[in-house]
Amino acid sequence: MTGTERSPRAALVLVVAVTVVLSVLLSLVHLPSAVLFASLVGGMAHALTSPTPLDLPASSFRLAQGTIGVVIGASVSLPALERIGHDALPIGLVMVATLLLSLAAGGCWRCATTSPG
């Protein structure tokens, strides 16, 4: 990782600031799940510019996953769910294939980046 080292507090401030500002801007243009996209960009802003790790308690990851689930669930309408229900098998197969491809890619990445021994 290239970039400048920053204090953990500065890293957290950067992530939160980018997330808040971008959330407001994306909400103003009525982007669905604006906070979800803004937080992704906020995290990337730090991760791509500094090797400083963000040390957060494990509970924050569970809270974030729950929040993402709620945001995604709230953005799905009943008519959309009904349409999905009619095509559940192909959708399920694509989801499983995506998961398997992700696992295979992760395994290949780990093998390629792990030194023997």
Protein backbone atom coordinates (compact mmCIF):
# COMPACT_ATOMS: atom_id res chain seq x y z
CA MET A 1 0.00 0.00 0.00
CA THR A 2 1.32 3.36 -0.95
CA GLY A 3 0.14 6.51 0.71
CA THR A 4 0.74 8.41 3.87
CA GLU A 5 0.51 7.02 7.35
CA ARG A 6 -2.23 8.69 9.37
CA SER A 7 -3.34 8.31 12.95
CA PRO A 8 -6.26 5.95 13.60
CA ARG A 9 -8.32 8.96 14.73
CA ALA A 10 -7.55 10.84 11.49
CA ALA A 11 -8.43 7.72 9.49
CA LEU A 12 -11.79 7.47 11.26
CA VAL A 13 -12.47 11.18 10.74
CA LEU A 14 -11.72 10.81 7.02
CA VAL A 15 -14.05 7.83 6.62
CA VAL A 16 -16.89 9.48 8.55
CA ALA A 17 -16.48 12.86 6.82
CA VAL A 18 -16.46 11.38 3.31
CA THR A 19 -19.43 9.18 4.21
CA VAL A 20 -21.52 12.02 5.63
CA VAL A 21 -20.79 14.51 2.83
CA LEU A 22 -21.31 11.97 0.07
CA SER A 23 -24.48 10.63 1.74
CA VAL A 24 -26.00 14.09 1.68
CA LEU A 25 -24.96 14.74 -1.93
CA LEU A 26 -26.19 11.36 -3.17
CA SER A 27 -29.46 11.78 -1.26
CA LEU A 28 -29.99 15.15 -2.94
CA VAL A 29 -29.88 13.44 -6.35
CA HIS A 30 -32.25 10.73 -5.02
CA LEU A 31 -29.83 7.85 -5.41
CA PRO A 32 -31.28 4.72 -3.77
CA SER A 33 -29.17 3.50 -0.84
CA ALA A 34 -27.13 6.70 -0.81
CA VAL A 35 -25.64 5.98 2.61
CA LEU A 36 -24.62 2.49 1.53
CA PHE A 37 -22.69 3.79 -1.47
CA ALA A 38 -21.28 6.74 0.44
CA SER A 39 -19.92 4.52 3.21
CA LEU A 40 -18.31 2.26 0.63
CA VAL A 41 -16.56 5.26 -0.94
CA GLY A 42 -15.61 6.56 2.52
CA GLY A 43 -13.91 3.30 3.39
CA MET A 44 -12.18 3.18 0.03
CA ALA A 45 -10.95 6.75 0.46
CA HIS A 46 -8.98 5.63 3.48
CA ALA A 47 -8.01 2.14 2.32
CA LEU A 48 -6.54 3.36 -0.96
CA THR A 49 -4.58 6.26 0.49
CA SER A 50 -3.03 4.97 3.72
CA PRO A 51 -1.64 1.75 5.18
CA THR A 52 -3.04 2.66 8.63
CA PRO A 53 -5.50 -0.03 9.76
CA LEU A 54 -8.86 1.00 11.14
CA ASP A 55 -9.17 -0.93 14.39
CA LEU A 56 -12.83 -1.28 15.25
CA PRO A 57 -14.53 -3.56 17.76
CA ALA A 58 -15.96 -6.78 16.32
CA SER A 59 -19.45 -5.67 17.29
CA SER A 60 -19.22 -2.78 14.82
CA PHE A 61 -18.97 -5.25 11.93
CA ARG A 62 -22.12 -7.07 13.08
CA LEU A 63 -23.89 -3.73 13.44
CA ALA A 64 -22.78 -2.71 9.93
CA GLN A 65 -23.96 -6.00 8.42
CA GLY A 66 -27.32 -5.62 10.15
CA THR A 67 -27.62 -2.06 8.88
CA ILE A 68 -26.85 -3.15 5.33
CA GLY A 69 -29.51 -5.86 5.61
CA VAL A 70 -32.08 -3.33 6.79
CA VAL A 71 -31.19 -0.86 4.02
CA ILE A 72 -31.43 -3.54 1.34
CA GLY A 73 -34.64 -4.93 2.80
CA ALA A 74 -36.23 -1.50 2.96
CA SER A 75 -35.41 -0.80 -0.67
CA VAL A 76 -37.24 -3.90 -1.98
CA SER A 77 -40.89 -3.34 -2.83
CA LEU A 78 -43.64 -5.95 -2.57
CA PRO A 79 -44.25 -6.04 -6.37
CA ALA A 80 -40.53 -6.60 -6.91
CA LEU A 81 -40.60 -9.47 -4.42
CA GLU A 82 -43.58 -10.99 -6.22
CA ARG A 83 -41.74 -10.82 -9.55
CA ILE A 84 -38.66 -12.37 -7.96
CA GLY A 85 -40.84 -15.17 -6.55
CA HIS A 86 -41.83 -16.25 -10.04
CA ASP A 87 -38.19 -16.61 -11.05
CA ALA A 88 -36.80 -17.93 -7.76
CA LEU A 89 -34.94 -20.91 -9.26
CA PRO A 90 -32.86 -19.00 -11.84
CA ILE A 91 -32.19 -16.22 -9.34
CA GLY A 92 -31.11 -18.77 -6.73
CA LEU A 93 -28.82 -20.50 -9.23
CA VAL A 94 -27.16 -17.20 -10.17
CA MET A 95 -26.68 -16.38 -6.47
CA VAL A 96 -25.06 -19.76 -5.80
CA ALA A 97 -22.86 -19.46 -8.90
CA THR A 98 -21.76 -15.98 -7.81
CA LEU A 99 -20.90 -17.26 -4.35
CA LEU A 100 -18.92 -20.19 -5.77
CA LEU A 101 -17.02 -17.93 -8.18
CA SER A 102 -16.21 -15.54 -5.32
CA LEU A 103 -14.92 -18.39 -3.16
CA ALA A 104 -12.84 -19.76 -6.04
CA ALA A 105 -11.39 -16.32 -6.81
CA GLY A 106 -10.54 -15.83 -3.13
CA GLY A 107 -8.84 -19.23 -3.02
CA CYS A 108 -6.83 -18.43 -6.14
CA TRP A 109 -5.87 -15.04 -4.69
CA ARG A 110 -4.75 -16.63 -1.43
CA CYS A 111 -2.65 -19.23 -3.28
CA ALA A 112 -1.09 -16.57 -5.50
CA THR A 113 -0.23 -14.23 -2.64
CA THR A 114 0.81 -16.70 0.06
CA SER A 115 4.44 -17.64 0.07
CA PRO A 116 5.21 -21.35 0.51
CA GLY A 117 6.45 -22.51 3.86
